[in-house]
């Protein structure tokens, strides 16, 4: 009778799954480090503006990144007490330009987008392709033709010409694209039911469609407000330094040719950022709703 001896079975070491987990962990840490560096790049200018707005000139020159110890509000007082009234005039002109531009762009963009939804799909594609050109062409390319058109209309060096350039530029194209995308989530039956009840297209647009477009309107308003508020090229060349100034051109004029008072400059920059930040905080709920609308459709 023969006896057989069984050899112990060897178990394979799970090296492949461990290596896969280690590789994923390294990739995740790399993504986290890249995200942290990108966030730091965006946050650094904001941090420097805030801390240096409450520091003296010597403190800024000695260490710009250090916190304000002790803090001072003299920079803000000096910025408000400037003889050229750069804060008062610049904020007033910028706010006026933004408000009037939005009052024209928002209803025009919403109305045209609603009108596009009633047209055929082929016509919509052609129209949106035309508006896409307004987003793809750099503003500097069309600046000289815009100034020549405004000169022909005797609107150069005027705020009316600046506002007209904002309405006819890429801002209207952006509004049309956002509204057109949002209107795809609005049921067509609502418009058809209102039309069957005898309501005209203008009444349907104003009383039914516009309330539904509130999140999209907030999104467009926030983006366009920031773009128009921060615009430097159009006010600088359309208005000219001798015919008016916005807050961005005022900041440019406040820079000295040989020396610069950085303490006062940071105070001006801090005051210039209050209005857009307050506007965003007031409309952030509608802004987030506008960005996420239709994501689950």
C-alpha atoms as a PDB file:
ATOM      1  CA  UNK A   1       0.000   0.000   0.000  1.00  0.00           C
ATOM      2  CA  UNK A   2       1.544   3.179  -1.192  1.00  0.00           C
ATOM      3  CA  UNK A   3       1.295   6.406   0.642  1.00  0.00           C
ATOM      4  CA  UNK A   4       1.316   9.799  -1.098  1.00  0.00           C
ATOM      5  CA  UNK A   5       2.466  12.933   0.589  1.00  0.00           C
ATOM      6  CA  UNK A   6       0.662  16.133  -0.355  1.00  0.00           C
ATOM      7  CA  UNK A   7       2.762  19.215  -0.753  1.00  0.00           C
ATOM      8  CA  UNK A   8       1.566  22.386   0.918  1.00  0.00           C
ATOM      9  CA  UNK A   9      -0.248  24.701  -1.530  1.00  0.00           C
ATOM     10  CA  UNK A  10       1.400  28.042  -2.074  1.00  0.00           C
ATOM     11  CA  UNK A  11      -0.770  31.117  -1.934  1.00  0.00           C
ATOM     12  CA  UNK A  12      -0.017  33.933  -4.362  1.00  0.00           C
ATOM     13  CA  UNK A  13       0.818  37.221  -2.739  1.00  0.00           C
ATOM     14  CA  UNK A  14      -1.656  39.935  -3.797  1.00  0.00           C
ATOM     15  CA  UNK A  15       0.998  42.291  -5.122  1.00  0.00           C
ATOM     16  CA  UNK A  16      -1.028  43.558  -8.104  1.00  0.00           C
ATOM     17  CA  UNK A  17      -4.010  44.908  -6.092  1.00  0.00           C
ATOM     18  CA  UNK A  18      -1.636  46.514  -3.591  1.00  0.00           C
ATOM     19  CA  UNK A  19       0.329  48.201  -6.370  1.00  0.00           C
ATOM     20  CA  UNK A  20      -2.932  49.404  -7.924  1.00  0.00           C
ATOM     21  CA  UNK A  21      -4.080  50.918  -4.635  1.00  0.00           C
ATOM     22  CA  UNK A  22      -0.718  52.569  -4.091  1.00  0.00           C
ATOM     23  CA  UNK A  23      -0.779  54.022  -7.600  1.00  0.00           C
ATOM     24  CA  UNK A  24      -4.291  55.402  -7.091  1.00  0.00           C
ATOM     25  CA  UNK A  25      -3.248  56.894  -3.760  1.00  0.00           C
ATOM     26  CA  UNK A  26      -0.260  58.625  -5.362  1.00  0.00           C
ATOM     27  CA  UNK A  27      -2.451  59.965  -8.213  1.00  0.00           C
ATOM     28  CA  UNK A  28      -5.035  61.222  -5.709  1.00  0.00           C
ATOM     29  CA  UNK A  29      -2.340  63.015  -3.710  1.00  0.00           C
ATOM     30  CA  UNK A  30      -0.988  64.533  -6.932  1.00  0.00           C
ATOM     31  CA  UNK A  31      -4.449  65.810  -7.881  1.00  0.00           C
ATOM     32  CA  UNK A  32      -4.893  67.241  -4.383  1.00  0.00           C
ATOM     33  CA  UNK A  33      -1.530  69.004  -4.544  1.00  0.00           C
ATOM     34  CA  UNK A  34      -2.322  70.430  -8.007  1.00  0.00           C
ATOM     35  CA  UNK A  35      -5.725  71.639  -6.791  1.00  0.00           C
ATOM     36  CA  UNK A  36      -4.119  73.250  -3.743  1.00  0.00           C
ATOM     37  CA  UNK A  37      -1.543  75.067  -5.889  1.00  0.00           C
ATOM     38  CA  UNK A  38      -4.234  76.244  -8.320  1.00  0.00           C
ATOM     39  CA  UNK A  39      -6.391  77.481  -5.454  1.00  0.00           C
ATOM     40  CA  UNK A  40      -3.407  79.270  -3.946  1.00  0.00           C
ATOM     41  CA  UNK A  41      -2.707  80.983  -7.278  1.00  0.00           C
ATOM     42  CA  UNK A  42      -6.249  82.358  -7.380  1.00  0.00           C
ATOM     43  CA  UNK A  43      -6.474  83.254  -3.693  1.00  0.00           C
ATOM     44  CA  UNK A  44      -3.080  84.967  -3.418  1.00  0.00           C
ATOM     45  CA  UNK A  45      -4.061  88.237  -5.169  1.00  0.00           C
ATOM     46  CA  UNK A  46      -7.200  88.483  -3.042  1.00  0.00           C
ATOM     47  CA  UNK A  47      -5.206  87.871   0.126  1.00  0.00           C
ATOM     48  CA  UNK A  48      -2.560  90.452  -0.804  1.00  0.00           C
ATOM     49  CA  UNK A  49      -5.218  93.052  -1.586  1.00  0.00           C
ATOM     50  CA  UNK A  50      -7.016  92.543   1.712  1.00  0.00           C
ATOM     51  CA  UNK A  51      -3.984  92.493   4.014  1.00  0.00           C
ATOM     52  CA  UNK A  52      -2.152  95.349   2.271  1.00  0.00           C
ATOM     53  CA  UNK A  53      -5.229  97.568   2.339  1.00  0.00           C
ATOM     54  CA  UNK A  54      -4.794  97.794   6.115  1.00  0.00           C
ATOM     55  CA  UNK A  55      -1.010  98.253   6.234  1.00  0.00           C
ATOM     56  CA  UNK A  56       1.251 101.271   5.979  1.00  0.00           C
ATOM     57  CA  UNK A  57       3.560 101.928   3.071  1.00  0.00           C
ATOM     58  CA  UNK A  58       6.614 100.793   5.043  1.00  0.00           C
ATOM     59  CA  UNK A  59       4.931  97.552   6.091  1.00  0.00           C
ATOM     60  CA  UNK A  60       3.971  96.773   2.490  1.00  0.00           C
ATOM     61  CA  UNK A  61       7.473  97.392   1.167  1.00  0.00           C
ATOM     62  CA  UNK A  62       9.070  95.412   4.004  1.00  0.00           C
ATOM     63  CA  UNK A  63       6.838  92.311   3.718  1.00  0.00           C
ATOM     64  CA  UNK A  64       3.788  92.409   1.410  1.00  0.00           C
ATOM     65  CA  UNK A  65       2.524  88.969   2.432  1.00  0.00           C
ATOM     66  CA  UNK A  66       2.610  89.547   6.184  1.00  0.00           C
ATOM     67  CA  UNK A  67      -0.667  90.176   8.026  1.00  0.00           C
ATOM     68  CA  UNK A  68      -1.457  93.768   9.062  1.00  0.00           C
ATOM     69  CA  UNK A  69      -0.045  94.112  12.570  1.00  0.00           C
ATOM     70  CA  UNK A  70      -1.272  96.535  13.737  1.00  0.00           C
ATOM     71  CA  UNK A  71      -4.054  97.165  11.153  1.00  0.00           C
ATOM     72  CA  UNK A  72      -4.884 100.665  10.021  1.00  0.00           C
ATOM     73  CA  UNK A  73      -7.809 102.217   8.143  1.00  0.00           C
ATOM     74  CA  UNK A  74      -5.823 105.250   7.037  1.00  0.00           C
ATOM     75  CA  UNK A  75      -5.491 103.855   3.506  1.00  0.00           C
ATOM     76  CA  UNK A  76      -9.260 103.751   3.065  1.00  0.00           C
ATOM     77  CA  UNK A  77      -9.618 107.273   4.438  1.00  0.00           C
ATOM     78  CA  UNK A  78      -6.886 108.572   2.134  1.00  0.00           C
ATOM     79  CA  UNK A  79      -8.490 106.859  -0.872  1.00  0.00           C
ATOM     80  CA  UNK A  80     -11.858 108.454  -0.121  1.00  0.00           C
ATOM     81  CA  UNK A  81     -10.260 111.861   0.478  1.00  0.00           C
ATOM     82  CA  UNK A  82      -8.403 112.061  -2.840  1.00  0.00           C
ATOM     83  CA  UNK A  83      -8.886 115.365  -4.625  1.00  0.00           C
ATOM     84  CA  UNK A  84      -9.634 113.662  -7.960  1.00  0.00           C
ATOM     85  CA  UNK A  85     -12.529 111.691  -6.358  1.00  0.00           C
ATOM     86  CA  UNK A  86     -11.362 108.512  -8.029  1.00  0.00           C
ATOM     87  CA  UNK A  87     -13.483 106.283  -5.778  1.00  0.00           C
ATOM     88  CA  UNK A  88     -16.666 108.327  -5.896  1.00  0.00           C
ATOM     89  CA  UNK A  89     -16.519 109.058  -9.646  1.00  0.00           C
ATOM     90  CA  UNK A  90     -15.178 105.658 -10.648  1.00  0.00           C
ATOM     91  CA  UNK A  91     -17.708 103.653  -8.643  1.00  0.00           C
ATOM     92  CA  UNK A  92     -20.595 105.825  -9.838  1.00  0.00           C
ATOM     93  CA  UNK A  93     -19.614 105.571 -13.500  1.00  0.00           C
ATOM     94  CA  UNK A  94     -18.913 101.833 -13.303  1.00  0.00           C
ATOM     95  CA  UNK A  95     -22.206 101.154 -11.515  1.00  0.00           C
ATOM     96  CA  UNK A  96     -24.099 103.245 -14.065  1.00  0.00           C
ATOM     97  CA  UNK A  97     -22.440 101.442 -16.977  1.00  0.00           C
ATOM     98  CA  UNK A  98     -23.116  98.004 -15.496  1.00  0.00           C
ATOM     99  CA  UNK A  99     -26.755  98.691 -14.604  1.00  0.00           C
ATOM    100  CA  UNK A 100     -27.731 100.251 -17.928  1.00  0.00           C
ATOM    101  CA  UNK A 101     -25.876  97.563 -19.897  1.00  0.00           C
ATOM    102  CA  UNK A 102     -27.670  94.815 -17.961  1.00  0.00           C
ATOM    103  CA  UNK A 103     -31.045  96.503 -18.397  1.00  0.00           C
ATOM    104  CA  UNK A 104     -30.487  96.286 -22.148  1.00  0.00           C
ATOM    105  CA  UNK A 105     -28.653  92.955 -22.500  1.00  0.00           C
ATOM    106  CA  UNK A 106     -30.855  90.844 -20.213  1.00  0.00           C
ATOM    107  CA  UNK A 107     -34.262  91.501 -21.847  1.00  0.00           C
ATOM    108  CA  UNK A 108     -32.775  91.462 -25.355  1.00  0.00           C
ATOM    109  CA  UNK A 109     -31.006  88.163 -24.736  1.00  0.00           C
ATOM    110  CA  UNK A 110     -34.033  86.563 -23.076  1.00  0.00           C
ATOM    111  CA  UNK A 111     -36.457  87.773 -25.751  1.00  0.00           C
ATOM    112  CA  UNK A 112     -34.288  86.669 -28.639  1.00  0.00           C
ATOM    113  CA  UNK A 113     -33.657  83.282 -27.029  1.00  0.00           C
ATOM    114  CA  UNK A 114     -37.391  82.764 -26.530  1.00  0.00           C
ATOM    115  CA  UNK A 115     -38.001  83.767 -30.123  1.00  0.00           C
ATOM    116  CA  UNK A 116     -35.387  81.230 -31.237  1.00  0.00           C
ATOM    117  CA  UNK A 117     -37.212  78.425 -29.435  1.00  0.00           C
ATOM    118  CA  UNK A 118     -40.221  79.039 -31.695  1.00  0.00           C
ATOM    119  CA  UNK A 119     -38.146  78.687 -34.865  1.00  0.00           C
ATOM    120  CA  UNK A 120     -36.994  75.538 -36.625  1.00  0.00           C
ATOM    121  CA  UNK A 121     -33.980  73.584 -35.386  1.00  0.00           C
ATOM    122  CA  UNK A 122     -31.970  74.422 -38.498  1.00  0.00           C
ATOM    123  CA  UNK A 123     -32.557  78.155 -38.080  1.00  0.00           C
ATOM    124  CA  UNK A 124     -31.602  77.946 -34.399  1.00  0.00           C
ATOM    125  CA  UNK A 125     -28.305  76.269 -35.246  1.00  0.00           C
ATOM    126  CA  UNK A 126     -27.469  78.940 -37.814  1.00  0.00           C
ATOM    127  CA  UNK A 127     -28.359  81.781 -35.447  1.00  0.00           C
ATOM    128  CA  UNK A 128     -26.391  80.311 -32.549  1.00  0.00           C
ATOM    129  CA  UNK A 129     -23.407  79.771 -34.844  1.00  0.00           C
ATOM    130  CA  UNK A 130     -23.506  83.470 -35.659  1.00  0.00           C
ATOM    131  CA  UNK A 131     -23.615  84.388 -31.982  1.00  0.00           C
ATOM    132  CA  UNK A 132     -20.758  81.976 -31.327  1.00  0.00           C
ATOM    133  CA  UNK A 133     -18.561  84.220 -33.445  1.00  0.00           C
ATOM    134  CA  UNK A 134     -19.189  86.995 -30.937  1.00  0.00           C
ATOM    135  CA  UNK A 135     -17.686  84.804 -28.229  1.00  0.00           C
ATOM    136  CA  UNK A 136     -14.766  83.416 -30.215  1.00  0.00           C
ATOM    137  CA  UNK A 137     -13.479  86.666 -31.746  1.00  0.00           C
ATOM    138  CA  UNK A 138     -11.167  88.500 -29.294  1.00  0.00           C
ATOM    139  CA  UNK A 139     -12.500  91.924 -28.242  1.00  0.00           C
ATOM    140  CA  UNK A 140      -9.242  93.608 -29.247  1.00  0.00           C
ATOM    141  CA  UNK A 141      -9.814  92.557 -32.865  1.00  0.00           C
ATOM    142  CA  UNK A 142     -13.129  94.403 -33.151  1.00  0.00           C
ATOM    143  CA  UNK A 143     -12.177  97.378 -30.974  1.00  0.00           C
ATOM    144  CA  UNK A 144     -11.007  99.633 -33.821  1.00  0.00           C
ATOM    145  CA  UNK A 145     -14.079  98.947 -36.037  1.00  0.00           C
ATOM    146  CA  UNK A 146     -16.291  99.563 -32.997  1.00  0.00           C
ATOM    147  CA  UNK A 147     -14.650 102.926 -32.334  1.00  0.00           C
ATOM    148  CA  UNK A 148     -15.043 103.904 -35.996  1.00  0.00           C
ATOM    149  CA  UNK A 149     -18.741 103.022 -35.930  1.00  0.00           C
ATOM    150  CA  UNK A 150     -19.229 105.019 -32.731  1.00  0.00           C
ATOM    151  CA  UNK A 151     -17.356 107.957 -34.264  1.00  0.00           C
ATOM    152  CA  UNK A 152     -19.632 107.831 -37.309  1.00  0.00           C
ATOM    153  CA  UNK A 153     -22.648 107.890 -34.975  1.00  0.00           C
ATOM    154  CA  UNK A 154     -21.082 110.715 -32.906  1.00  0.00           C
ATOM    155  CA  UNK A 155     -21.117 108.456 -29.839  1.00  0.00           C
ATOM    156  CA  UNK A 156     -17.372 108.241 -29.278  1.00  0.00           C
ATOM    157  CA  UNK A 157     -16.114 109.502 -25.899  1.00  0.00           C
ATOM    158  CA  UNK A 158     -19.606 109.046 -24.432  1.00  0.00           C
ATOM    159  CA  UNK A 159     -21.081 106.591 -21.961  1.00  0.00           C
ATOM    160  CA  UNK A 160     -23.868 105.899 -24.441  1.00  0.00           C
ATOM    161  CA  UNK A 161     -21.254 104.646 -26.895  1.00  0.00           C
ATOM    162  CA  UNK A 162     -19.599 102.518 -24.200  1.00  0.00           C
ATOM    163  CA  UNK A 163     -22.937 100.953 -23.256  1.00  0.00           C
ATOM    164  CA  UNK A 164     -23.806 100.362 -26.908  1.00  0.00           C
ATOM    165  CA  UNK A 165     -20.453  98.620 -27.387  1.00  0.00           C
ATOM    166  CA  UNK A 166     -21.240  96.383 -24.399  1.00  0.00           C
ATOM    167  CA  UNK A 167     -24.656  95.488 -25.786  1.00  0.00           C
ATOM    168  CA  UNK A 168     -23.384  94.775 -29.279  1.00  0.00           C
ATOM    169  CA  UNK A 169     -20.317  92.856 -28.185  1.00  0.00           C
ATOM    170  CA  UNK A 170     -19.847  89.354 -26.883  1.00  0.00           C
ATOM    171  CA  UNK A 171     -21.961  90.058 -23.803  1.00  0.00           C
ATOM    172  CA  UNK A 172     -25.212  89.639 -25.750  1.00  0.00           C
ATOM    173  CA  UNK A 173     -23.879  86.433 -27.300  1.00  0.00           C
ATOM    174  CA  UNK A 174     -23.158  85.008 -23.862  1.00  0.00           C
ATOM    175  CA  UNK A 175     -26.663  85.911 -22.668  1.00  0.00           C
ATOM    176  CA  UNK A 176     -28.267  84.252 -25.694  1.00  0.00           C
ATOM    177  CA  UNK A 177     -26.294  81.040 -25.166  1.00  0.00           C
ATOM    178  CA  UNK A 178     -27.197  80.801 -21.473  1.00  0.00           C
ATOM    179  CA  UNK A 179     -30.868  81.598 -22.026  1.00  0.00           C
ATOM    180  CA  UNK A 180     -31.115  79.223 -24.987  1.00  0.00           C
ATOM    181  CA  UNK A 181     -29.684  76.371 -22.947  1.00  0.00           C
ATOM    182  CA  UNK A 182     -31.999  77.075 -20.028  1.00  0.00           C
ATOM    183  CA  UNK A 183     -35.103  77.351 -22.225  1.00  0.00           C
ATOM    184  CA  UNK A 184     -34.591  73.756 -23.321  1.00  0.00           C
ATOM    185  CA  UNK A 185     -35.642  72.688 -19.825  1.00  0.00           C
ATOM    186  CA  UNK A 186     -38.887  74.703 -19.977  1.00  0.00           C
ATOM    187  CA  UNK A 187     -41.792  72.493 -21.143  1.00  0.00           C
ATOM    188  CA  UNK A 188     -43.165  73.569 -24.510  1.00  0.00           C
ATOM    189  CA  UNK A 189     -46.676  72.725 -23.281  1.00  0.00           C
ATOM    190  CA  UNK A 190     -46.644  75.786 -20.982  1.00  0.00           C
ATOM    191  CA  UNK A 191     -46.227  78.140 -23.925  1.00  0.00           C
ATOM    192  CA  UNK A 192     -48.756  76.257 -26.034  1.00  0.00           C
ATOM    193  CA  UNK A 193     -51.347  76.312 -23.248  1.00  0.00           C
ATOM    194  CA  UNK A 194     -50.924  80.062 -22.769  1.00  0.00           C
ATOM    195  CA  UNK A 195     -51.228  80.622 -26.531  1.00  0.00           C
ATOM    196  CA  UNK A 196     -54.447  78.583 -26.624  1.00  0.00           C
ATOM    197  CA  UNK A 197     -55.843  80.785 -23.847  1.00  0.00           C
ATOM    198  CA  UNK A 198     -55.353  83.797 -26.108  1.00  0.00           C
ATOM    199  CA  UNK A 199     -52.129  85.261 -24.692  1.00  0.00           C
ATOM    200  CA  UNK A 200     -49.782  86.940 -27.152  1.00  0.00           C
ATOM    201  CA  UNK A 201     -46.130  86.070 -27.502  1.00  0.00           C
ATOM    202  CA  UNK A 202     -45.018  89.258 -25.732  1.00  0.00           C
ATOM    203  CA  UNK A 203     -47.279  88.538 -22.760  1.00  0.00           C
ATOM    204  CA  UNK A 204     -46.198  84.898 -22.639  1.00  0.00           C
ATOM    205  CA  UNK A 205     -42.551  85.931 -22.646  1.00  0.00           C
ATOM    206  CA  UNK A 206     -42.927  88.540 -19.910  1.00  0.00           C
ATOM    207  CA  UNK A 207     -45.451  86.901 -17.543  1.00  0.00           C
ATOM    208  CA  UNK A 208     -44.645  83.203 -17.989  1.00  0.00           C
ATOM    209  CA  UNK A 209     -41.185  82.688 -19.448  1.00  0.00           C
ATOM    210  CA  UNK A 210     -39.222  85.430 -17.650  1.00  0.00           C
ATOM    211  CA  UNK A 211     -40.178  84.242 -14.114  1.00  0.00           C
ATOM    212  CA  UNK A 212     -39.003  80.762 -15.083  1.00  0.00           C
ATOM    213  CA  UNK A 213     -35.704  82.237 -16.283  1.00  0.00           C
ATOM    214  CA  UNK A 214     -34.844  83.794 -12.925  1.00  0.00           C
ATOM    215  CA  UNK A 215     -31.885  81.455 -12.171  1.00  0.00           C
ATOM    216  CA  UNK A 216     -30.502  81.940 -15.679  1.00  0.00           C
ATOM    217  CA  UNK A 217     -30.977  85.698 -15.376  1.00  0.00           C
ATOM    218  CA  UNK A 218     -29.023  85.723 -12.118  1.00  0.00           C
ATOM    219  CA  UNK A 219     -26.215  83.717 -13.724  1.00  0.00           C
ATOM    220  CA  UNK A 220     -26.005  86.029 -16.736  1.00  0.00           C
ATOM    221  CA  UNK A 221     -26.254  89.131 -14.557  1.00  0.00           C
ATOM    222  CA  UNK A 222     -23.407  88.062 -12.265  1.00  0.00           C
ATOM    223  CA  UNK A 223     -21.058  87.097 -15.090  1.00  0.00           C
ATOM    224  CA  UNK A 224     -21.766  90.194 -17.168  1.00  0.00           C
ATOM    225  CA  UNK A 225     -21.586  92.492 -14.158  1.00  0.00           C
ATOM    226  CA  UNK A 226     -18.111  91.224 -13.297  1.00  0.00           C
ATOM    227  CA  UNK A 227     -16.941  91.402 -16.904  1.00  0.00           C
ATOM    228  CA  UNK A 228     -18.240  94.917 -17.480  1.00  0.00           C
ATOM    229  CA  UNK A 229     -17.055  96.101 -14.054  1.00  0.00           C
ATOM    230  CA  UNK A 230     -13.535  94.770 -14.621  1.00  0.00           C
ATOM    231  CA  UNK A 231     -13.338  95.868 -18.260  1.00  0.00           C
ATOM    232  CA  UNK A 232     -10.412  98.157 -18.900  1.00  0.00           C
ATOM    233  CA  UNK A 233      -9.915  98.205 -22.649  1.00  0.00           C
ATOM    234  CA  UNK A 234     -13.321  99.502 -23.760  1.00  0.00           C
ATOM    235  CA  UNK A 235     -13.541 102.376 -21.243  1.00  0.00           C
ATOM    236  CA  UNK A 236      -9.930 103.334 -21.855  1.00  0.00           C
ATOM    237  CA  UNK A 237     -10.256 103.609 -25.646  1.00  0.00           C
ATOM    238  CA  UNK A 238     -13.938 104.459 -26.109  1.00  0.00           C
ATOM    239  CA  UNK A 239     -14.244 107.041 -23.322  1.00  0.00           C
ATOM    240  CA  UNK A 240     -10.675 108.239 -23.260  1.00  0.00           C
ATOM    241  CA  UNK A 241      -8.915 109.457 -20.097  1.00  0.00           C
ATOM    242  CA  UNK A 242     -10.129 113.026 -20.569  1.00  0.00           C
ATOM    243  CA  UNK A 243     -13.828 112.294 -21.098  1.00  0.00           C
ATOM    244  CA  UNK A 244     -14.644 110.001 -18.176  1.00  0.00           C
ATOM    245  CA  UNK A 245     -13.372 107.144 -16.128  1.00  0.00           C
ATOM    246  CA  UNK A 246     -14.573 103.938 -14.607  1.00  0.00           C
ATOM    247  CA  UNK A 247     -13.055 102.343 -11.548  1.00  0.00           C
ATOM    248  CA  UNK A 248     -10.585 100.285 -13.622  1.00  0.00           C
ATOM    249  CA  UNK A 249      -9.308 103.240 -15.638  1.00  0.00           C
ATOM    250  CA  UNK A 250      -9.182 105.252 -12.425  1.00  0.00           C
ATOM    251  CA  UNK A 251      -6.918 102.643 -10.891  1.00  0.00           C
ATOM    252  CA  UNK A 252      -4.647 102.910 -13.928  1.00  0.00           C
ATOM    253  CA  UNK A 253      -4.509 106.704 -13.639  1.00  0.00           C
ATOM    254  CA  UNK A 254      -3.690 106.477  -9.933  1.00  0.00           C
ATOM    255  CA  UNK A 255      -0.385 104.745 -10.658  1.00  0.00           C
ATOM    256  CA  UNK A 256       2.497 107.191 -10.383  1.00  0.00           C
ATOM    257  CA  UNK A 257       4.972 107.584 -13.185  1.00  0.00           C
ATOM    258  CA  UNK A 258       8.018 107.369 -10.945  1.00  0.00           C
ATOM    259  CA  UNK A 259       6.735 106.434  -7.482  1.00  0.00           C
ATOM    260  CA  UNK A 260       3.555 104.719  -6.335  1.00  0.00           C
ATOM    261  CA  UNK A 261       1.776 105.008  -3.003  1.00  0.00           C
ATOM    262  CA  UNK A 262       1.012 101.313  -2.595  1.00  0.00           C
ATOM    263  CA  UNK A 263      -0.861 101.793   0.663  1.00  0.00           C
ATOM    264  CA  UNK A 264      -3.360 104.148  -0.928  1.00  0.00           C
ATOM    265  CA  UNK A 265      -3.499 102.052  -4.106  1.00  0.00           C
ATOM    266  CA  UNK A 266      -4.446  98.922  -2.163  1.00  0.00           C
ATOM    267  CA  UNK A 267      -7.064 100.955  -0.316  1.00  0.00           C
ATOM    268  CA  UNK A 268      -8.582 102.006  -3.643  1.00  0.00           C
ATOM    269  CA  UNK A 269      -8.520  98.407  -4.887  1.00  0.00           C
ATOM    270  CA  UNK A 270     -10.203  97.180  -1.712  1.00  0.00           C
ATOM    271  CA  UNK A 271     -13.012  99.737  -1.996  1.00  0.00           C
ATOM    272  CA  UNK A 272     -13.415  98.973  -5.704  1.00  0.00           C
ATOM    273  CA  UNK A 273     -14.055  95.298  -4.948  1.00  0.00           C
ATOM    274  CA  UNK A 274     -16.767  95.833  -2.336  1.00  0.00           C
ATOM    275  CA  UNK A 275     -19.672  96.379  -4.732  1.00  0.00           C
ATOM    276  CA  UNK A 276     -19.148  93.306  -6.994  1.00  0.00           C
ATOM    277  CA  UNK A 277     -18.545  91.048  -3.983  1.00  0.00           C
ATOM    278  CA  UNK A 278     -21.696  92.312  -2.275  1.00  0.00           C
ATOM    279  CA  UNK A 279     -23.677  91.791  -5.482  1.00  0.00           C
ATOM    280  CA  UNK A 280     -22.440  88.227  -5.807  1.00  0.00           C
ATOM    281  CA  UNK A 281     -23.285  87.398  -2.191  1.00  0.00           C
ATOM    282  CA  UNK A 282     -26.792  88.788  -2.686  1.00  0.00           C
ATOM    283  CA  UNK A 283     -27.421  86.631  -5.777  1.00  0.00           C
ATOM    284  CA  UNK A 284     -25.355  83.536  -5.071  1.00  0.00           C
ATOM    285  CA  UNK A 285     -28.364  81.243  -4.481  1.00  0.00           C
ATOM    286  CA  UNK A 286     -29.885  82.100  -7.848  1.00  0.00           C
ATOM    287  CA  UNK A 287     -26.425  81.885  -9.405  1.00  0.00           C
ATOM    288  CA  UNK A 288     -25.870  78.327  -8.163  1.00  0.00           C
ATOM    289  CA  UNK A 289     -29.393  77.335  -9.218  1.00  0.00           C
ATOM    290  CA  UNK A 290     -28.723  78.703 -12.693  1.00  0.00           C
ATOM    291  CA  UNK A 291     -25.474  76.748 -13.045  1.00  0.00           C
ATOM    292  CA  UNK A 292     -27.029  73.454 -11.900  1.00  0.00           C
ATOM    293  CA  UNK A 293     -30.354  73.795 -13.712  1.00  0.00           C
ATOM    294  CA  UNK A 294     -30.922  71.073 -16.261  1.00  0.00           C
ATOM    295  CA  UNK A 295     -28.038  68.941 -14.956  1.00  0.00           C
ATOM    296  CA  UNK A 296     -30.401  66.018 -14.281  1.00  0.00           C
ATOM    297  CA  UNK A 297     -32.605  66.506 -17.327  1.00  0.00           C
END
